[in-house]
C-alpha atoms as a PDB file:
ATOM      1  CA  MET A   1       0.000   0.000   0.000  1.00  0.00           C
ATOM      2  CA  VAL A   2       1.360   3.443  -0.941  1.00  0.00           C
ATOM      3  CA  GLU A   3      -0.024   6.691   0.428  1.00  0.00           C
ATOM      4  CA  SER A   4       1.658  10.106   0.069  1.00  0.00           C
ATOM      5  CA  GLY A   5       5.018   8.513  -0.716  1.00  0.00           C
ATOM      6  CA  VAL A   6       4.679   6.030   2.153  1.00  0.00           C
ATOM      7  CA  HIS A   7       4.865   2.337   1.306  1.00  0.00           C
ATOM      8  CA  VAL A   8       3.460  -0.084   3.917  1.00  0.00           C
ATOM      9  CA  ARG A   9       4.239  -3.790   3.762  1.00  0.00           C
ATOM     10  CA  GLU A  10       4.569  -6.814   5.996  1.00  0.00           C
ATOM     11  CA  ALA A  11       7.899  -6.875   7.809  1.00  0.00           C
ATOM     12  CA  ARG A  12      10.413  -9.540   6.853  1.00  0.00           C
ATOM     13  CA  ARG A  13      12.014 -11.840   9.406  1.00  0.00           C
ATOM     14  CA  ASP A  14      15.446 -10.449   8.573  1.00  0.00           C
ATOM     15  CA  GLU A  15      14.312  -6.999   9.768  1.00  0.00           C
ATOM     16  CA  ALA A  16      14.241  -7.819  13.497  1.00  0.00           C
ATOM     17  CA  GLU A  17      17.379  -5.776  14.213  1.00  0.00           C
ATOM     18  CA  ALA A  18      16.148  -2.753  12.237  1.00  0.00           C
ATOM     19  CA  LEU A  19      12.806  -2.923  14.049  1.00  0.00           C
ATOM     20  CA  HIS A  20      14.567  -3.136  17.416  1.00  0.00           C
ATOM     21  CA  LEU A  21      16.672  -0.059  16.604  1.00  0.00           C
ATOM     22  CA  LEU A  22      13.621   1.929  15.499  1.00  0.00           C
ATOM     23  CA  ALA A  23      11.706   0.800  18.600  1.00  0.00           C
ATOM     24  CA  ALA A  24      14.590   1.800  20.887  1.00  0.00           C
ATOM     25  CA  LEU A  25      14.528   5.267  19.312  1.00  0.00           C
ATOM     26  CA  THR A  26      10.762   5.785  19.265  1.00  0.00           C
ATOM     27  CA  PHE A  27       9.399   4.092  22.404  1.00  0.00           C
ATOM     28  CA  PRO A  28      10.914   6.625  24.837  1.00  0.00           C
ATOM     29  CA  LEU A  29       9.187   9.438  22.935  1.00  0.00           C
ATOM     30  CA  ALA A  30       5.783   7.972  23.878  1.00  0.00           C
ATOM     31  CA  CYS A  31       6.552   7.793  27.599  1.00  0.00           C
ATOM     32  CA  PRO A  32       5.459  10.473  30.062  1.00  0.00           C
ATOM     33  CA  PRO A  33       8.209  12.582  31.672  1.00  0.00           C
ATOM     34  CA  SER A  34       7.817  10.627  34.917  1.00  0.00           C
ATOM     35  CA  THR A  35       9.039   7.382  33.292  1.00  0.00           C
ATOM     36  CA  THR A  36      12.629   6.761  34.371  1.00  0.00           C
ATOM     37  CA  GLU A  37      15.421   5.987  31.934  1.00  0.00           C
ATOM     38  CA  ALA A  38      15.895   2.662  33.716  1.00  0.00           C
ATOM     39  CA  ALA A  39      12.233   1.748  33.193  1.00  0.00           C
ATOM     40  CA  LYS A  40      12.417   2.651  29.498  1.00  0.00           C
ATOM     41  CA  ALA A  41      15.607   0.622  29.057  1.00  0.00           C
ATOM     42  CA  ALA A  42      14.086  -2.389  30.835  1.00  0.00           C
ATOM     43  CA  PHE A  43      10.984  -2.264  28.628  1.00  0.00           C
ATOM     44  CA  ILE A  44      13.083  -2.039  25.470  1.00  0.00           C
ATOM     45  CA  GLU A  45      15.204  -4.992  26.613  1.00  0.00           C
ATOM     46  CA  GLN A  46      12.181  -7.113  27.543  1.00  0.00           C
ATOM     47  CA  ARG A  47       9.659  -6.246  24.830  1.00  0.00           C
ATOM     48  CA  LEU A  48      11.464  -4.442  21.999  1.00  0.00           C
ATOM     49  CA  SER A  49      14.768  -6.296  21.691  1.00  0.00           C
ATOM     50  CA  ARG A  50      15.937  -8.020  18.538  1.00  0.00           C
ATOM     51  CA  SER A  51      14.926 -11.397  20.016  1.00  0.00           C
ATOM     52  CA  ALA A  52      11.478 -10.012  20.929  1.00  0.00           C
ATOM     53  CA  PHE A  53      10.965  -8.888  17.327  1.00  0.00           C
ATOM     54  CA  GLU A  54      12.157 -12.287  16.084  1.00  0.00           C
ATOM     55  CA  ARG A  55       9.386 -13.844  18.201  1.00  0.00           C
ATOM     56  CA  TYR A  56       6.801 -11.330  16.990  1.00  0.00           C
ATOM     57  CA  LEU A  57       7.736 -11.923  13.352  1.00  0.00           C
ATOM     58  CA  ALA A  58       7.405 -15.707  13.801  1.00  0.00           C
ATOM     59  CA  ASP A  59       4.024 -15.533  15.619  1.00  0.00           C
ATOM     60  CA  ALA A  60       1.067 -16.353  13.354  1.00  0.00           C
ATOM     61  CA  GLN A  61      -1.259 -14.282  15.588  1.00  0.00           C
ATOM     62  CA  ARG A  62       0.784 -11.129  14.936  1.00  0.00           C
ATOM     63  CA  LEU A  63       1.243  -9.021  11.845  1.00  0.00           C
ATOM     64  CA  VAL A  64       4.215  -6.673  11.950  1.00  0.00           C
ATOM     65  CA  MET A  65       4.038  -3.958   9.309  1.00  0.00           C
ATOM     66  CA  VAL A  66       6.694  -1.468   8.270  1.00  0.00           C
ATOM     67  CA  ALA A  67       6.350   1.853   6.545  1.00  0.00           C
ATOM     68  CA  GLU A  68       9.048   2.994   4.176  1.00  0.00           C
ATOM     69  CA  GLN A  69       9.546   6.461   2.787  1.00  0.00           C
ATOM     70  CA  SER A  70      12.242   7.184   0.240  1.00  0.00           C
ATOM     71  CA  GLY A  71      13.562   3.657   0.812  1.00  0.00           C
ATOM     72  CA  GLU A  72      14.096   4.208   4.556  1.00  0.00           C
ATOM     73  CA  LEU A  73      12.269   2.596   7.476  1.00  0.00           C
ATOM     74  CA  ALA A  74       9.915   5.350   8.653  1.00  0.00           C
ATOM     75  CA  GLY A  75       7.729   3.491  11.145  1.00  0.00           C
ATOM     76  CA  TYR A  76       6.189   0.208  12.188  1.00  0.00           C
ATOM     77  CA  ALA A  77       3.014  -1.203  13.650  1.00  0.00           C
ATOM     78  CA  MET A  78       1.950  -4.549  15.065  1.00  0.00           C
ATOM     79  CA  LEU A  79      -1.528  -6.037  14.940  1.00  0.00           C
ATOM     80  CA  VAL A  80      -2.372  -8.883  17.326  1.00  0.00           C
ATOM     81  CA  HIS A  81      -5.382 -11.035  16.477  1.00  0.00           C
ATOM     82  CA  GLY A  82      -7.464 -12.595  19.232  1.00  0.00           C
ATOM     83  CA  GLU A  83      -9.316 -11.938  22.430  1.00  0.00           C
ATOM     84  CA  PRO A  84      -7.685  -9.442  24.847  1.00  0.00           C
ATOM     85  CA  SER A  85      -5.924 -11.164  27.744  1.00  0.00           C
ATOM     86  CA  ASP A  86      -6.012  -8.130  30.056  1.00  0.00           C
ATOM     87  CA  PRO A  87      -9.282  -8.222  32.074  1.00  0.00           C
ATOM     88  CA  ASP A  88      -9.634  -4.410  32.000  1.00  0.00           C
ATOM     89  CA  VAL A  89      -9.347  -4.431  28.217  1.00  0.00           C
ATOM     90  CA  ALA A  90     -11.669  -7.410  27.835  1.00  0.00           C
ATOM     91  CA  ALA A  91     -14.303  -5.560  29.866  1.00  0.00           C
ATOM     92  CA  ALA A  92     -13.855  -2.281  27.967  1.00  0.00           C
ATOM     93  CA  VAL A  93     -13.777  -3.474  24.346  1.00  0.00           C
ATOM     94  CA  ARG A  94     -17.344  -3.569  23.063  1.00  0.00           C
ATOM     95  CA  HIS A  95     -17.143  -5.290  19.683  1.00  0.00           C
ATOM     96  CA  ARG A  96     -15.969  -8.838  18.923  1.00  0.00           C
ATOM     97  CA  PRO A  97     -14.064 -10.365  17.322  1.00  0.00           C
ATOM     98  CA  THR A  98     -11.353  -7.773  17.816  1.00  0.00           C
ATOM     99  CA  ALA A  99      -7.662  -7.217  17.156  1.00  0.00           C
ATOM    100  CA  GLU A 100      -5.131  -5.130  19.072  1.00  0.00           C
ATOM    101  CA  LEU A 101      -3.048  -2.420  17.461  1.00  0.00           C
ATOM    102  CA  SER A 102      -0.231  -3.300  19.821  1.00  0.00           C
ATOM    103  CA  LYS A 103       2.453  -0.978  18.544  1.00  0.00           C
ATOM    104  CA  LEU A 104       2.493   2.063  16.278  1.00  0.00           C
ATOM    105  CA  TYR A 105       5.685   4.068  16.222  1.00  0.00           C
ATOM    106  CA  VAL A 106       7.053   6.534  13.689  1.00  0.00           C
ATOM    107  CA  HIS A 107      10.609   7.824  13.339  1.00  0.00           C
ATOM    108  CA  PRO A 108      10.676  11.350  14.829  1.00  0.00           C
ATOM    109  CA  ASP A 109      11.934  12.797  11.521  1.00  0.00           C
ATOM    110  CA  GLN A 110       8.722  11.499   9.891  1.00  0.00           C
ATOM    111  CA  HIS A 111       6.149  12.845  12.388  1.00  0.00           C
ATOM    112  CA  GLY A 112       3.299  14.593  10.598  1.00  0.00           C
ATOM    113  CA  GLY A 113       4.186  13.087   7.221  1.00  0.00           C
ATOM    114  CA  GLY A 114       1.367  10.565   6.860  1.00  0.00           C
ATOM    115  CA  VAL A 115       3.347   7.535   8.041  1.00  0.00           C
ATOM    116  CA  ALA A 116       1.159   6.819  11.074  1.00  0.00           C
ATOM    117  CA  SER A 117      -2.039   7.246   9.042  1.00  0.00           C
ATOM    118  CA  ALA A 118      -0.776   4.844   6.381  1.00  0.00           C
ATOM    119  CA  LEU A 119       0.146   2.254   9.029  1.00  0.00           C
ATOM    120  CA  VAL A 120      -3.256   2.561  10.722  1.00  0.00           C
ATOM    121  CA  GLU A 121      -5.099   2.202   7.416  1.00  0.00           C
ATOM    122  CA  HIS A 122      -3.068  -0.899   6.555  1.00  0.00           C
ATOM    123  CA  ALA A 123      -3.672  -2.380  10.031  1.00  0.00           C
ATOM    124  CA  LEU A 124      -7.437  -1.748   9.851  1.00  0.00           C
ATOM    125  CA  HIS A 125      -7.696  -3.498   6.487  1.00  0.00           C
ATOM    126  CA  ALA A 126      -5.611  -6.417   7.787  1.00  0.00           C
ATOM    127  CA  ALA A 127      -7.885  -6.706  10.835  1.00  0.00           C
ATOM    128  CA  VAL A 128     -11.034  -6.812   8.677  1.00  0.00           C
ATOM    129  CA  ASP A 129      -9.386  -9.369   6.388  1.00  0.00           C
ATOM    130  CA  GLU A 130      -8.875 -11.608   9.452  1.00  0.00           C
ATOM    131  CA  GLY A 131     -12.506 -11.224  10.522  1.00  0.00           C
ATOM    132  CA  ALA A 132     -12.212  -8.543  13.214  1.00  0.00           C
ATOM    133  CA  VAL A 133     -15.073  -6.093  13.612  1.00  0.00           C
ATOM    134  CA  SER A 134     -13.047  -3.734  15.818  1.00  0.00           C
ATOM    135  CA  VAL A 135      -9.492  -2.767  16.672  1.00  0.00           C
ATOM    136  CA  TRP A 136      -8.413  -1.635  20.121  1.00  0.00           C
ATOM    137  CA  LEU A 137      -5.226  -0.092  21.484  1.00  0.00           C
ATOM    138  CA  GLY A 138      -3.718   1.199  24.689  1.00  0.00           C
ATOM    139  CA  VAL A 139      -2.126   4.656  24.819  1.00  0.00           C
ATOM    140  CA  ASN A 140      -0.627   6.516  27.759  1.00  0.00           C
ATOM    141  CA  ILE A 141      -3.122   9.029  29.114  1.00  0.00           C
ATOM    142  CA  HIS A 142      -0.392  11.724  29.159  1.00  0.00           C
ATOM    143  CA  ASN A 143       0.658  11.211  25.518  1.00  0.00           C
ATOM    144  CA  ALA A 144      -1.291  14.161  24.107  1.00  0.00           C
ATOM    145  CA  ARG A 145       0.114  13.859  20.568  1.00  0.00           C
ATOM    146  CA  ALA A 146      -0.827  10.173  20.246  1.00  0.00           C
ATOM    147  CA  ASN A 147      -4.234  10.700  21.832  1.00  0.00           C
ATOM    148  CA  ARG A 148      -5.043  13.501  19.346  1.00  0.00           C
ATOM    149  CA  PHE A 149      -3.964  11.252  16.473  1.00  0.00           C
ATOM    150  CA  TYR A 150      -6.028   8.275  17.657  1.00  0.00           C
ATOM    151  CA  GLU A 151      -9.090  10.464  18.259  1.00  0.00           C
ATOM    152  CA  LYS A 152      -8.743  11.865  14.736  1.00  0.00           C
ATOM    153  CA  SER A 153      -8.347   8.291  13.441  1.00  0.00           C
ATOM    154  CA  GLY A 154     -11.674   7.235  14.938  1.00  0.00           C
ATOM    155  CA  PHE A 155     -10.503   5.446  18.109  1.00  0.00           C
ATOM    156  CA  ALA A 156     -12.818   6.313  21.017  1.00  0.00           C
ATOM    157  CA  ILE A 157     -11.859   6.013  24.677  1.00  0.00           C
ATOM    158  CA  VAL A 158     -13.735   3.016  26.099  1.00  0.00           C
ATOM    159  CA  GLY A 159     -11.802   2.378  29.327  1.00  0.00           C
ATOM    160  CA  THR A 160      -8.456   2.428  31.108  1.00  0.00           C
ATOM    161  CA  LYS A 161      -5.800  -0.119  31.968  1.00  0.00           C
ATOM    162  CA  GLY A 162      -2.386  -0.370  33.564  1.00  0.00           C
ATOM    163  CA  PHE A 163       0.735  -0.753  31.430  1.00  0.00           C
ATOM    164  CA  LEU A 164       3.952  -2.028  32.984  1.00  0.00           C
ATOM    165  CA  VAL A 165       7.124  -0.137  31.987  1.00  0.00           C
ATOM    166  CA  GLY A 166      10.074  -1.508  33.911  1.00  0.00           C
ATOM    167  CA  GLU A 167       8.680  -1.750  37.447  1.00  0.00           C
ATOM    168  CA  THR A 168       6.239   1.145  37.051  1.00  0.00           C
ATOM    169  CA  ILE A 169       2.586   0.775  36.147  1.00  0.00           C
ATOM    170  CA  GLU A 170       1.576   3.579  33.785  1.00  0.00           C
ATOM    171  CA  ASP A 171      -2.024   4.609  33.118  1.00  0.00           C
ATOM    172  CA  ASP A 172      -3.333   3.970  29.609  1.00  0.00           C
ATOM    173  CA  TYR A 173      -6.566   4.742  27.876  1.00  0.00           C
ATOM    174  CA  VAL A 174      -8.150   1.812  26.082  1.00  0.00           C
ATOM    175  CA  ARG A 175      -9.344   3.093  22.714  1.00  0.00           C
ATOM    176  CA  GLU A 176     -11.490   1.167  20.245  1.00  0.00           C
ATOM    177  CA  ARG A 177     -12.554   1.668  16.659  1.00  0.00           C
ATOM    178  CA  GLN A 178     -15.472  -0.287  15.264  1.00  0.00           C
ATOM    179  CA  LEU A 179     -14.729  -1.497  11.731  1.00  0.00           C
ATOM    180  CA  VAL A 180     -17.802  -3.446  10.736  1.00  0.00           C
ATOM    181  CA  TRP A 181     -21.402  -2.556  11.500  1.00  0.00           C
ATOM    182  CA  THR A 182     -24.147  -5.000  10.481  1.00  0.00           C
ATOM    183  CA  GLY A 183     -21.895  -6.613   7.914  1.00  0.00           C
ATOM    184  CA  VAL A 184     -20.684  -3.392   6.270  1.00  0.00           C
ATOM    185  CA  THR A 185     -17.099  -2.193   6.631  1.00  0.00           C
ATOM    186  CA  VAL A 186     -17.194   1.418   7.796  1.00  0.00           C
ATOM    187  CA  GLY A 187     -14.845   4.339   7.349  1.00  0.00           C
ATOM    188  CA  ILE A 188     -11.777   2.570   5.939  1.00  0.00           C
ATOM    189  CA  PRO A 189     -10.738   3.888   2.523  1.00  0.00           C
ATOM    190  CA  ARG A 190      -9.398   1.390  -0.016  1.00  0.00           C
END
């Protein structure tokens, strides 16, 4: 898929290191100022390392997508198919079957350039193709930029949940976007 010079495709297994490096750069930007450097580093080591991305890329329940612009990796997203395992999320999400937009990060040099929108559009189509009628995500309640973007992208706040970063539990909004209503896909351009 190409939108405004952005090409979105499924990530290849040999891109685990590149994804790790992009994640290590972008994840800290989404954290509130109160998140310690140690907590950020621990999260990157546990959940965004090269080996973590190797596992994600090999998992049939996950779709890792990359966005390229001018031949460079500009961002990535991960869609996870299946029922939410977090009880707060399971209680908040209203439409089933659902998929989680687990990660959506854009290189800081590409902010505002359509990369995030292209990744979301690709993820929404992939979710519908797998039978989901909604997509949910968690986003830190203090991440104003991301919350504005998700609101603009049609994700409504439906609840809250905790999110462990290092040894600190952060507060996240649970946001959901309904994709299918009475058998008709809604609001996703092709």
